[in-house]
Amino acid sequence: MVEKVRIGFLGVAHFHADSYAQSLKTIPQAELVGVFDRDKGLAHEFSQKFSVPTYDDMEKLLKICDAVVITSENALHHEYAVKAAEEGKHI
């Protein structure tokens, strides 16, 4: 049996976050495990749409995932990528 890759979303401000999530939902080996966004409204909307929990703390989400998709505002990409890399996550 193939283990699932647990994937978290860091930021969902970019319009392509939804299409990435929809695509990942079709892959049996992928599991969406949560979303973090500084904008609680965006996080909640994404959470409802894709049935994943919302995390108010990025560090908590990073602890439970194997990989992240970063679809935040461009200005936050570097910060989020560095944090994910420091935690040993695939980006």
PDB file of N, CA and C in Angstrom:
ATOM      1  N   MET A   1       0.829  -1.183   0.000  1.00  0.00           N
ATOM      2  CA  MET A   1       0.000   0.000   0.000  1.00  0.00           C
ATOM      3  C   MET A   1       0.879   1.254   0.000  1.00  0.00           C
ATOM      4  N   VAL A   2       0.551   2.192  -0.843  1.00  0.00           N
ATOM      5  CA  VAL A   2       1.303   3.436  -0.966  1.00  0.00           C
ATOM      6  C   VAL A   2       0.819   4.424   0.086  1.00  0.00           C
ATOM      7  N   GLU A   3       1.768   5.002   0.823  1.00  0.00           N
ATOM      8  CA  GLU A   3       1.401   6.024   1.801  1.00  0.00           C
ATOM      9  C   GLU A   3       0.995   7.303   1.090  1.00  0.00           C
ATOM     10  N   LYS A   4       0.104   8.032   1.718  1.00  0.00           N
ATOM     11  CA  LYS A   4      -0.322   9.311   1.155  1.00  0.00           C
ATOM     12  C   LYS A   4       0.658  10.411   1.538  1.00  0.00           C
ATOM     13  N   VAL A   5       0.805  11.360   0.635  1.00  0.00           N
ATOM     14  CA  VAL A   5       1.590  12.552   0.907  1.00  0.00           C
ATOM     15  C   VAL A   5       0.618  13.578   1.475  1.00  0.00           C
ATOM     16  N   ARG A   6       0.887  14.027   2.684  1.00  0.00           N
ATOM     17  CA  ARG A   6       0.020  15.004   3.359  1.00  0.00           C
ATOM     18  C   ARG A   6       0.445  16.412   2.949  1.00  0.00           C
ATOM     19  N   ILE A   7      -0.496  17.129   2.354  1.00  0.00           N
ATOM     20  CA  ILE A   7      -0.185  18.432   1.756  1.00  0.00           C
ATOM     21  C   ILE A   7      -0.963  19.543   2.442  1.00  0.00           C
ATOM     22  N   GLY A   8      -0.246  20.605   2.815  1.00  0.00           N
ATOM     23  CA  GLY A   8      -0.863  21.792   3.386  1.00  0.00           C
ATOM     24  C   GLY A   8      -0.722  22.967   2.431  1.00  0.00           C
ATOM     25  N   PHE A   9      -1.670  23.870   2.503  1.00  0.00           N
ATOM     26  CA  PHE A   9      -1.619  25.094   1.701  1.00  0.00           C
ATOM     27  C   PHE A   9      -1.204  26.247   2.592  1.00  0.00           C
ATOM     28  N   LEU A  10      -0.145  26.944   2.185  1.00  0.00           N
ATOM     29  CA  LEU A  10       0.308  28.147   2.886  1.00  0.00           C
ATOM     30  C   LEU A  10      -0.107  29.344   2.055  1.00  0.00           C
ATOM     31  N   GLY A  11      -1.136  29.998   2.492  1.00  0.00           N
ATOM     32  CA  GLY A  11      -1.689  31.130   1.761  1.00  0.00           C
ATOM     33  C   GLY A  11      -2.543  30.649   0.603  1.00  0.00           C
ATOM     34  N   VAL A  12      -3.663  31.309   0.413  1.00  0.00           N
ATOM     35  CA  VAL A  12      -4.560  30.949  -0.696  1.00  0.00           C
ATOM     36  C   VAL A  12      -5.067  32.203  -1.415  1.00  0.00           C
ATOM     37  N   ALA A  13      -4.253  33.240  -1.432  1.00  0.00           N
ATOM     38  CA  ALA A  13      -4.648  34.504  -2.056  1.00  0.00           C
ATOM     39  C   ALA A  13      -4.664  34.418  -3.585  1.00  0.00           C
ATOM     40  N   HIS A  14      -3.800  33.593  -4.162  1.00  0.00           N
ATOM     41  CA  HIS A  14      -3.739  33.486  -5.614  1.00  0.00           C
ATOM     42  C   HIS A  14      -4.898  32.659  -6.150  1.00  0.00           C
ATOM     43  N   PHE A  15      -5.440  33.073  -7.264  1.00  0.00           N
ATOM     44  CA  PHE A  15      -6.599  32.407  -7.854  1.00  0.00           C
ATOM     45  C   PHE A  15      -6.339  30.946  -8.185  1.00  0.00           C
ATOM     46  N   HIS A  16      -5.083  30.569  -8.414  1.00  0.00           N
ATOM     47  CA  HIS A  16      -4.789  29.190  -8.787  1.00  0.00           C
ATOM     48  C   HIS A  16      -4.777  28.231  -7.601  1.00  0.00           C
ATOM     49  N   ALA A  17      -4.944  28.714  -6.381  1.00  0.00           N
ATOM     50  CA  ALA A  17      -4.995  27.825  -5.216  1.00  0.00           C
ATOM     51  C   ALA A  17      -6.120  26.802  -5.373  1.00  0.00           C
ATOM     52  N   ASP A  18      -7.277  27.255  -5.840  1.00  0.00           N
ATOM     53  CA  ASP A  18      -8.415  26.346  -6.000  1.00  0.00           C
ATOM     54  C   ASP A  18      -8.141  25.268  -7.045  1.00  0.00           C
ATOM     55  N   SER A  19      -7.556  25.642  -8.172  1.00  0.00           N
ATOM     56  CA  SER A  19      -7.310  24.645  -9.210  1.00  0.00           C
ATOM     57  C   SER A  19      -6.249  23.644  -8.751  1.00  0.00           C
ATOM     58  N   TYR A  20      -5.252  24.102  -7.997  1.00  0.00           N
ATOM     59  CA  TYR A  20      -4.255  23.176  -7.460  1.00  0.00           C
ATOM     60  C   TYR A  20      -4.915  22.188  -6.503  1.00  0.00           C
ATOM     61  N   ALA A  21      -5.761  22.706  -5.627  1.00  0.00           N
ATOM     62  CA  ALA A  21      -6.440  21.836  -4.654  1.00  0.00           C
ATOM     63  C   ALA A  21      -7.353  20.841  -5.368  1.00  0.00           C
ATOM     64  N   GLN A  22      -8.086  21.304  -6.359  1.00  0.00           N
ATOM     65  CA  GLN A  22      -8.962  20.399  -7.113  1.00  0.00           C
ATOM     66  C   GLN A  22      -8.145  19.299  -7.785  1.00  0.00           C
ATOM     67  N   SER A  23      -7.020  19.653  -8.350  1.00  0.00           N
ATOM     68  CA  SER A  23      -6.160  18.659  -8.996  1.00  0.00           C
ATOM     69  C   SER A  23      -5.604  17.666  -7.989  1.00  0.00           C
ATOM     70  N   LEU A  24      -5.144  18.159  -6.857  1.00  0.00           N
ATOM     71  CA  LEU A  24      -4.585  17.269  -5.832  1.00  0.00           C
ATOM     72  C   LEU A  24      -5.640  16.315  -5.285  1.00  0.00           C
ATOM     73  N   LYS A  25      -6.882  16.758  -5.209  1.00  0.00           N
ATOM     74  CA  LYS A  25      -7.963  15.901  -4.702  1.00  0.00           C
ATOM     75  C   LYS A  25      -8.199  14.694  -5.617  1.00  0.00           C
ATOM     76  N   THR A  26      -7.753  14.764  -6.858  1.00  0.00           N
ATOM     77  CA  THR A  26      -7.956  13.648  -7.789  1.00  0.00           C
ATOM     78  C   THR A  26      -6.833  12.618  -7.718  1.00  0.00           C
ATOM     79  N   ILE A  27      -5.800  12.897  -6.957  1.00  0.00           N
ATOM     80  CA  ILE A  27      -4.647  11.994  -6.853  1.00  0.00           C
ATOM     81  C   ILE A  27      -4.810  11.147  -5.590  1.00  0.00           C
ATOM     82  N   PRO A  28      -4.983   9.845  -5.749  1.00  0.00           N
ATOM     83  CA  PRO A  28      -5.210   8.983  -4.588  1.00  0.00           C
ATOM     84  C   PRO A  28      -4.092   9.026  -3.544  1.00  0.00           C
ATOM     85  N   GLN A  29      -2.861   9.293  -3.965  1.00  0.00           N
ATOM     86  CA  GLN A  29      -1.738   9.313  -3.028  1.00  0.00           C
ATOM     87  C   GLN A  29      -1.564  10.659  -2.334  1.00  0.00           C
ATOM     88  N   ALA A  30      -2.424  11.621  -2.634  1.00  0.00           N
ATOM     89  CA  ALA A  30      -2.333  12.955  -2.015  1.00  0.00           C
ATOM     90  C   ALA A  30      -3.487  13.157  -1.041  1.00  0.00           C
ATOM     91  N   GLU A  31      -3.178  13.793   0.068  1.00  0.00           N
ATOM     92  CA  GLU A  31      -4.203  14.116   1.062  1.00  0.00           C
ATOM     93  C   GLU A  31      -4.032  15.577   1.486  1.00  0.00           C
ATOM     94  N   LEU A  32      -5.051  16.380   1.261  1.00  0.00           N
ATOM     95  CA  LEU A  32      -5.019  17.764   1.724  1.00  0.00           C
ATOM     96  C   LEU A  32      -5.319  17.757   3.217  1.00  0.00           C
ATOM     97  N   VAL A  33      -4.400  18.321   4.003  1.00  0.00           N
ATOM     98  CA  VAL A  33      -4.546  18.230   5.459  1.00  0.00           C
ATOM     99  C   VAL A  33      -4.838  19.558   6.138  1.00  0.00           C
ATOM    100  N   GLY A  34      -4.767  20.667   5.418  1.00  0.00           N
ATOM    101  CA  GLY A  34      -5.078  21.932   6.059  1.00  0.00           C
ATOM    102  C   GLY A  34      -4.636  23.128   5.258  1.00  0.00           C
ATOM    103  N   VAL A  35      -5.074  24.282   5.767  1.00  0.00           N
ATOM    104  CA  VAL A  35      -4.764  25.554   5.122  1.00  0.00           C
ATOM    105  C   VAL A  35      -4.414  26.585   6.193  1.00  0.00           C
ATOM    106  N   PHE A  36      -3.417  27.395   5.877  1.00  0.00           N
ATOM    107  CA  PHE A  36      -3.069  28.565   6.687  1.00  0.00           C
ATOM    108  C   PHE A  36      -3.082  29.777   5.772  1.00  0.00           C
ATOM    109  N   ASP A  37      -3.719  30.830   6.224  1.00  0.00           N
ATOM    110  CA  ASP A  37      -3.623  32.117   5.550  1.00  0.00           C
ATOM    111  C   ASP A  37      -3.787  33.190   6.611  1.00  0.00           C
ATOM    112  N   ARG A  38      -3.019  34.261   6.487  1.00  0.00           N
ATOM    113  CA  ARG A  38      -3.142  35.372   7.439  1.00  0.00           C
ATOM    114  C   ARG A  38      -4.518  36.005   7.370  1.00  0.00           C
ATOM    115  N   ASP A  39      -5.136  35.928   6.201  1.00  0.00           N
ATOM    116  CA  ASP A  39      -6.506  36.411   6.013  1.00  0.00           C
ATOM    117  C   ASP A  39      -7.449  35.273   6.401  1.00  0.00           C
ATOM    118  N   LYS A  40      -8.048  35.386   7.575  1.00  0.00           N
ATOM    119  CA  LYS A  40      -8.892  34.314   8.104  1.00  0.00           C
ATOM    120  C   LYS A  40     -10.089  34.030   7.199  1.00  0.00           C
ATOM    121  N   GLY A  41     -10.601  35.049   6.528  1.00  0.00           N
ATOM    122  CA  GLY A  41     -11.725  34.866   5.617  1.00  0.00           C
ATOM    123  C   GLY A  41     -11.360  33.994   4.434  1.00  0.00           C
ATOM    124  N   LEU A  42     -10.209  34.254   3.829  1.00  0.00           N
ATOM    125  CA  LEU A  42      -9.741  33.424   2.711  1.00  0.00           C
ATOM    126  C   LEU A  42      -9.508  31.986   3.164  1.00  0.00           C
ATOM    127  N   ALA A  43      -8.896  31.826   4.325  1.00  0.00           N
ATOM    128  CA  ALA A  43      -8.625  30.484   4.844  1.00  0.00           C
ATOM    129  C   ALA A  43      -9.933  29.737   5.083  1.00  0.00           C
ATOM    130  N   HIS A  44     -10.901  30.417   5.680  1.00  0.00           N
ATOM    131  CA  HIS A  44     -12.188  29.785   5.969  1.00  0.00           C
ATOM    132  C   HIS A  44     -12.907  29.368   4.683  1.00  0.00           C
ATOM    133  N   GLU A  45     -12.897  30.241   3.692  1.00  0.00           N
ATOM    134  CA  GLU A  45     -13.545  29.937   2.414  1.00  0.00           C
ATOM    135  C   GLU A  45     -12.906  28.700   1.766  1.00  0.00           C
ATOM    136  N   PHE A  46     -11.590  28.659   1.741  1.00  0.00           N
ATOM    137  CA  PHE A  46     -10.864  27.519   1.170  1.00  0.00           C
ATOM    138  C   PHE A  46     -11.167  26.254   1.977  1.00  0.00           C
ATOM    139  N   SER A  47     -11.165  26.389   3.289  1.00  0.00           N
ATOM    140  CA  SER A  47     -11.440  25.275   4.183  1.00  0.00           C
ATOM    141  C   SER A  47     -12.807  24.658   3.902  1.00  0.00           C
ATOM    142  N   GLN A  48     -13.807  25.499   3.739  1.00  0.00           N
ATOM    143  CA  GLN A  48     -15.159  25.026   3.460  1.00  0.00           C
ATOM    144  C   GLN A  48     -15.249  24.364   2.092  1.00  0.00           C
ATOM    145  N   LYS A  49     -14.617  24.981   1.123  1.00  0.00           N
ATOM    146  CA  LYS A  49     -14.677  24.487  -0.259  1.00  0.00           C
ATOM    147  C   LYS A  49     -14.028  23.111  -0.408  1.00  0.00           C
ATOM    148  N   PHE A  50     -12.932  22.867   0.319  1.00  0.00           N
ATOM    149  CA  PHE A  50     -12.165  21.638   0.137  1.00  0.00           C
ATOM    150  C   PHE A  50     -12.184  20.715   1.364  1.00  0.00           C
ATOM    151  N   SER A  51     -13.020  21.037   2.319  1.00  0.00           N
ATOM    152  CA  SER A  51     -13.209  20.190   3.511  1.00  0.00           C
ATOM    153  C   SER A  51     -11.897  19.869   4.221  1.00  0.00           C
ATOM    154  N   VAL A  52     -11.136  20.919   4.490  1.00  0.00           N
ATOM    155  CA  VAL A  52      -9.887  20.771   5.239  1.00  0.00           C
ATOM    156  C   VAL A  52      -9.907  21.733   6.419  1.00  0.00           C
ATOM    157  N   PRO A  53      -9.196  21.402   7.479  1.00  0.00           N
ATOM    158  CA  PRO A  53      -9.153  22.313   8.619  1.00  0.00           C
ATOM    159  C   PRO A  53      -8.336  23.575   8.332  1.00  0.00           C
ATOM    160  N   THR A  54      -8.694  24.622   9.023  1.00  0.00           N
ATOM    161  CA  THR A  54      -7.968  25.890   8.967  1.00  0.00           C
ATOM    162  C   THR A  54      -7.016  25.948  10.157  1.00  0.00           C
ATOM    163  N   TYR A  55      -5.810  26.409   9.913  1.00  0.00           N
ATOM    164  CA  TYR A  55      -4.819  26.578  10.975  1.00  0.00           C
ATOM    165  C   TYR A  55      -4.521  28.056  11.137  1.00  0.00           C
ATOM    166  N   ASP A  56      -4.622  28.538  12.366  1.00  0.00           N
ATOM    167  CA  ASP A  56      -4.286  29.936  12.660  1.00  0.00           C
ATOM    168  C   ASP A  56      -2.784  30.115  12.826  1.00  0.00           C
ATOM    169  N   ASP A  57      -2.082  29.009  12.996  1.00  0.00           N
ATOM    170  CA  ASP A  57      -0.645  29.021  13.236  1.00  0.00           C
ATOM    171  C   ASP A  57       0.035  28.164  12.161  1.00  0.00           C
ATOM    172  N   MET A  58       0.854  28.787  11.339  1.00  0.00           N
ATOM    173  CA  MET A  58       1.544  28.069  10.265  1.00  0.00           C
ATOM    174  C   MET A  58       2.388  26.924  10.811  1.00  0.00           C
ATOM    175  N   GLU A  59       3.020  27.117  11.947  1.00  0.00           N
ATOM    176  CA  GLU A  59       3.891  26.096  12.532  1.00  0.00           C
ATOM    177  C   GLU A  59       3.115  24.811  12.835  1.00  0.00           C
ATOM    178  N   LYS A  60       1.886  24.938  13.294  1.00  0.00           N
ATOM    179  CA  LYS A  60       1.079  23.751  13.596  1.00  0.00           C
ATOM    180  C   LYS A  60       0.762  22.975  12.326  1.00  0.00           C
ATOM    181  N   LEU A  61       0.455  23.678  11.256  1.00  0.00           N
ATOM    182  CA  LEU A  61       0.192  23.003   9.987  1.00  0.00           C
ATOM    183  C   LEU A  61       1.456  22.325   9.470  1.00  0.00           C
ATOM    184  N   LEU A  62       2.585  22.991   9.574  1.00  0.00           N
ATOM    185  CA  LEU A  62       3.847  22.410   9.100  1.00  0.00           C
ATOM    186  C   LEU A  62       4.205  21.128   9.844  1.00  0.00           C
ATOM    187  N   LYS A  63       3.771  21.006  11.080  1.00  0.00           N
ATOM    188  CA  LYS A  63       4.084  19.810  11.864  1.00  0.00           C
ATOM    189  C   LYS A  63       3.355  18.571  11.353  1.00  0.00           C
ATOM    190  N   ILE A  64       2.213  18.748  10.670  1.00  0.00           N
ATOM    191  CA  ILE A  64       1.431  17.575  10.262  1.00  0.00           C
ATOM    192  C   ILE A  64       1.502  17.262   8.764  1.00  0.00           C
ATOM    193  N   CYS A  65       2.188  18.088   7.998  1.00  0.00           N
ATOM    194  CA  CYS A  65       2.217  17.834   6.551  1.00  0.00           C
ATOM    195  C   CYS A  65       3.606  17.394   6.095  1.00  0.00           C
ATOM    196  N   ASP A  66       3.612  16.762   4.910  1.00  0.00           N
ATOM    197  CA  ASP A  66       4.863  16.338   4.290  1.00  0.00           C
ATOM    198  C   ASP A  66       5.345  17.355   3.262  1.00  0.00           C
ATOM    199  N   ALA A  67       4.385  18.082   2.694  1.00  0.00           N
ATOM    200  CA  ALA A  67       4.678  19.024   1.610  1.00  0.00           C
ATOM    201  C   ALA A  67       3.710  20.192   1.691  1.00  0.00           C
ATOM    202  N   VAL A  68       4.091  21.296   1.059  1.00  0.00           N
ATOM    203  CA  VAL A  68       3.214  22.465   1.032  1.00  0.00           C
ATOM    204  C   VAL A  68       3.085  23.009  -0.389  1.00  0.00           C
ATOM    205  N   VAL A  69       1.952  23.627  -0.606  1.00  0.00           N
ATOM    206  CA  VAL A  69       1.715  24.413  -1.812  1.00  0.00           C
ATOM    207  C   VAL A  69       1.621  25.848  -1.326  1.00  0.00           C
ATOM    208  N   ILE A  70       2.420  26.724  -1.902  1.00  0.00           N
ATOM    209  CA  ILE A  70       2.425  28.125  -1.486  1.00  0.00           C
ATOM    210  C   ILE A  70       1.712  28.944  -2.551  1.00  0.00           C
ATOM    211  N   THR A  71       0.531  29.424  -2.200  1.00  0.00           N
ATOM    212  CA  THR A  71      -0.257  30.249  -3.118  1.00  0.00           C
ATOM    213  C   THR A  71      -0.666  31.547  -2.432  1.00  0.00           C
ATOM    214  N   SER A  72       0.224  32.021  -1.589  1.00  0.00           N
ATOM    215  CA  SER A  72       0.009  33.295  -0.906  1.00  0.00           C
ATOM    216  C   SER A  72       0.307  34.453  -1.857  1.00  0.00           C
ATOM    217  N   GLU A  73       0.159  35.656  -1.332  1.00  0.00           N
ATOM    218  CA  GLU A  73       0.599  36.826  -2.068  1.00  0.00           C
ATOM    219  C   GLU A  73       2.093  36.674  -2.352  1.00  0.00           C
ATOM    220  N   ASN A  74       2.548  37.158  -3.490  1.00  0.00           N
ATOM    221  CA  ASN A  74       3.947  37.015  -3.876  1.00  0.00           C
ATOM    222  C   ASN A  74       4.901  37.513  -2.793  1.00  0.00           C
ATOM    223  N   ALA A  75       4.537  38.571  -2.119  1.00  0.00           N
ATOM    224  CA  ALA A  75       5.410  39.165  -1.107  1.00  0.00           C
ATOM    225  C   ALA A  75       5.668  38.215   0.063  1.00  0.00           C
ATOM    226  N   LEU A  76       4.822  37.194   0.241  1.00  0.00           N
ATOM    227  CA  LEU A  76       4.979  36.253   1.352  1.00  0.00           C
ATOM    228  C   LEU A  76       5.621  34.926   0.939  1.00  0.00           C
ATOM    229  N   HIS A  77       5.804  34.710  -0.352  1.00  0.00           N
ATOM    230  CA  HIS A  77       6.344  33.432  -0.834  1.00  0.00           C
ATOM    231  C   HIS A  77       7.676  33.085  -0.172  1.00  0.00           C
ATOM    232  N   HIS A  78       8.592  34.010  -0.146  1.00  0.00           N
ATOM    233  CA  HIS A  78       9.918  33.731   0.404  1.00  0.00           C
ATOM    234  C   HIS A  78       9.828  33.325   1.868  1.00  0.00           C
ATOM    235  N   GLU A  79       9.117  34.095   2.659  1.00  0.00           N
ATOM    236  CA  GLU A  79       8.977  33.794   4.089  1.00  0.00           C
ATOM    237  C   GLU A  79       8.399  32.397   4.301  1.00  0.00           C
ATOM    238  N   TYR A  80       7.338  32.074   3.572  1.00  0.00           N
ATOM    239  CA  TYR A  80       6.682  30.778   3.731  1.00  0.00           C
ATOM    240  C   TYR A  80       7.584  29.641   3.247  1.00  0.00           C
ATOM    241  N   ALA A  81       8.268  29.855   2.143  1.00  0.00           N
ATOM    242  CA  ALA A  81       9.159  28.821   1.610  1.00  0.00           C
ATOM    243  C   ALA A  81      10.303  28.545   2.581  1.00  0.00           C
ATOM    244  N   VAL A  82      10.869  29.576   3.168  1.00  0.00           N
ATOM    245  CA  VAL A  82      11.967  29.400   4.114  1.00  0.00           C
ATOM    246  C   VAL A  82      11.476  28.620   5.324  1.00  0.00           C
ATOM    247  N   LYS A  83      10.315  28.973   5.858  1.00  0.00           N
ATOM    248  CA  LYS A  83       9.779  28.264   7.030  1.00  0.00           C
ATOM    249  C   LYS A  83       9.534  26.794   6.716  1.00  0.00           C
ATOM    250  N   ALA A  84       8.947  26.537   5.540  1.00  0.00           N
ATOM    251  CA  ALA A  84       8.675  25.150   5.153  1.00  0.00           C
ATOM    252  C   ALA A  84       9.970  24.375   4.959  1.00  0.00           C
ATOM    253  N   ALA A  85      10.956  24.988   4.335  1.00  0.00           N
ATOM    254  CA  ALA A  85      12.249  24.334   4.113  1.00  0.00           C
ATOM    255  C   ALA A  85      12.948  24.049   5.441  1.00  0.00           C
ATOM    256  N   GLU A  86      12.882  24.988   6.351  1.00  0.00           N
ATOM    257  CA  GLU A  86      13.496  24.774   7.675  1.00  0.00           C
ATOM    258  C   GLU A  86      12.875  23.601   8.403  1.00  0.00           C
ATOM    259  N   GLU A  87      11.609  23.327   8.118  1.00  0.00           N
ATOM    260  CA  GLU A  87      10.922  22.184   8.730  1.00  0.00           C
ATOM    261  C   GLU A  87      11.088  20.906   7.907  1.00  0.00           C
ATOM    262  N   GLY A  88      11.847  20.989   6.813  1.00  0.00           N
ATOM    263  CA  GLY A  88      12.123  19.813   5.991  1.00  0.00           C
ATOM    264  C   GLY A  88      10.974  19.384   5.094  1.00  0.00           C
ATOM    265  N   LYS A  89      10.106  20.320   4.749  1.00  0.00           N
ATOM    266  CA  LYS A  89       8.941  19.997   3.916  1.00  0.00           C
ATOM    267  C   LYS A  89       9.260  20.168   2.443  1.00  0.00           C
ATOM    268  N   HIS A  90       8.605  19.359   1.623  1.00  0.00           N
ATOM    269  CA  HIS A  90       8.692  19.528   0.179  1.00  0.00           C
ATOM    270  C   HIS A  90       7.847  20.742  -0.184  1.00  0.00           C
ATOM    271  N   ILE A  91       8.327  21.512  -1.156  1.00  0.00           N
ATOM    272  CA  ILE A  91       7.625  22.743  -1.528  1.00  0.00           C
ATOM    273  C   ILE A  91       7.254  22.680  -2.998  1.00  0.00           C
TER     274      ILE A  91
END
